[in-house]
Protein backbone atom coordinates (compact mmCIF):
# COMPACT_ATOMS: atom_id res chain seq x y z
CA MET A 1 41.12 -24.14 -27.64
CA SER A 2 40.12 -20.68 -26.46
CA SER A 3 39.40 -17.98 -28.94
CA ASN A 4 40.23 -14.36 -28.19
CA ARG A 5 37.83 -13.16 -30.86
CA VAL A 6 36.13 -9.85 -30.07
CA PRO A 7 32.33 -10.02 -30.49
CA SER A 8 30.91 -7.86 -33.24
CA ASN A 9 28.52 -4.99 -32.57
CA GLN A 10 25.69 -7.11 -33.92
CA GLU A 11 26.50 -9.92 -31.47
CA ARG A 12 26.74 -7.46 -28.58
CA CYS A 13 23.38 -5.93 -29.52
CA ALA A 14 21.79 -9.38 -29.70
CA ARG A 15 23.12 -10.28 -26.23
CA ALA A 16 21.95 -6.93 -24.84
CA GLU A 17 18.46 -7.54 -26.28
CA GLU A 18 18.37 -11.00 -24.69
CA LYS A 19 19.36 -9.53 -21.31
CA SER A 20 16.79 -6.76 -21.74
CA ASP A 21 14.07 -9.31 -22.52
CA GLU A 22 15.04 -11.33 -19.44
CA VAL A 23 14.86 -8.24 -17.22
CA LEU A 24 11.47 -7.26 -18.69
CA GLN A 25 10.15 -10.77 -18.07
CA GLN A 26 11.36 -10.65 -14.47
CA LEU A 27 9.76 -7.22 -13.97
CA ASN A 28 6.46 -8.44 -15.40
CA SER A 29 6.61 -11.49 -13.16
CA LEU A 30 7.22 -9.29 -10.10
CA ARG A 31 4.35 -7.00 -11.09
CA LYS A 32 2.00 -9.97 -11.39
CA GLU A 33 3.14 -11.35 -8.03
CA ASP A 34 2.70 -7.94 -6.41
CA GLU A 35 -0.80 -7.61 -7.86
CA THR A 36 -1.69 -11.11 -6.67
CA LEU A 37 -0.45 -10.40 -3.15
CA SER A 38 -2.37 -7.12 -3.08
CA ASN A 39 -5.53 -8.93 -4.14
CA ILE A 40 -5.03 -11.58 -1.47
CA LEU A 41 -4.54 -8.90 1.16
CA ALA A 42 -7.67 -7.07 0.00
CA VAL A 43 -9.72 -10.28 0.24
CA ASP A 44 -8.31 -11.01 3.70
CA ILE A 45 -9.22 -7.54 4.94
CA TRP A 46 -12.68 -7.77 3.42
CA ALA A 47 -13.26 -11.20 5.00
CA LEU A 48 -12.13 -9.94 8.40
CA ALA A 49 -14.32 -6.85 8.18
CA LYS A 50 -17.31 -8.89 6.94
CA THR A 51 -16.91 -11.35 9.81
CA MET A 52 -16.56 -8.53 12.34
CA ASP A 53 -19.64 -6.81 10.89
CA GLU A 54 -21.65 -9.97 11.57
CA PHE A 55 -20.55 -9.98 15.22
CA GLN A 56 -20.64 -6.21 15.73
CA PRO A 57 -23.11 -4.44 13.42
CA GLY A 58 -21.77 -1.17 12.06
CA PHE A 59 -18.15 -2.34 12.18
CA TRP A 60 -17.68 -1.95 8.42
CA SER A 61 -18.89 1.65 8.31
CA GLU A 62 -16.68 2.57 11.28
CA PHE A 63 -13.78 0.77 9.66
CA MET A 64 -14.25 2.79 6.45
CA LYS A 65 -14.54 6.09 8.37
CA ASN A 66 -11.32 5.33 10.25
CA ARG A 67 -9.62 4.30 7.02
CA GLU A 68 -10.60 7.59 5.35
CA GLN A 69 -9.37 9.65 8.31
CA SER A 70 -6.10 7.71 8.43
CA LEU A 71 -5.54 8.13 4.70
CA ARG A 72 -6.16 11.88 4.90
CA ARG A 73 -3.78 12.21 7.86
CA PHE A 74 -1.14 10.15 6.06
CA MET A 75 -1.43 12.20 2.85
CA SER A 76 -1.23 15.44 4.84
CA GLU A 77 1.94 14.26 6.61
CA ILE A 78 3.50 13.21 3.30
CA VAL A 79 2.73 16.55 1.67
CA HIS A 80 4.07 18.57 4.60
CA SER A 81 7.21 16.49 5.09
CA LYS A 82 8.15 16.40 1.41
CA PRO A 83 11.24 18.54 0.75
CA VAL A 84 10.69 21.40 -1.70
CA ASP A 85 12.90 21.30 -4.76
CA ILE A 86 12.72 24.68 -6.49
CA ARG A 87 14.14 23.18 -9.68
CA ARG A 88 10.92 21.16 -10.14
CA PRO A 89 7.81 22.67 -11.67
CA PRO A 90 5.34 24.01 -9.08
CA PHE A 91 2.77 21.28 -9.73
CA LEU A 92 5.37 18.60 -8.85
CA ARG A 93 6.62 20.25 -5.65
């Protein structure tokens, strides 16, 4: 027997809270997975650089110099290619 009863506001709020909790749990899970993958990638890069430094002394310092230059170039390109929105405060443009 199907009931055509309309859920009360309290029931709707309870269901919305359950859905909200589920979404927050999923977001937290994704954040943890993202952090774990980032840590794994960092360890992989470190291991590669450490190994290369053993075979070619000075590799790590050159790697870090190149990384710094690349990061500066990337940040410069991002800043210059970002569209200016005059509605935003100057410090966010």
